[in-house]
Amino acid sequence: MTLDAFIHYVILPLLGGGIVLAFVRLVRGPSLPDRVVALDLMATLIIALSAAYAVATGQHAYLDAAIVLALITFLGTVAFAYYLHRRDGGA
């Protein structure tokens, strides 16, 4: 089995399944932090999916998109943590 076939038949379906499970958690999450963590997990899995696809196809543009998505996700997580800190009466 080549690396390309392994990525297409094993890695990509597993990452897709993880995205579906994280989406279920996003919809059903009982609290706001649960939903934000699920959304962060979905973004991380999409980054991994993009990187695996870039390795399989040899197209580097997917890696650039993954880097941009990682930066946006990081800023979103920091903003949400700041929001929770301010909401709970933090300084």
Foldseek 3Di string as FASTA:
>chain_A
DDLLVCCVPPVLVVLVVLLVVLVVQLVPPPDDVSNLVSVLSNLVSQLVNLVSVCVNVVDCVSNVVSVVSVVVSVVVVVVVVVVVCVVVPHD
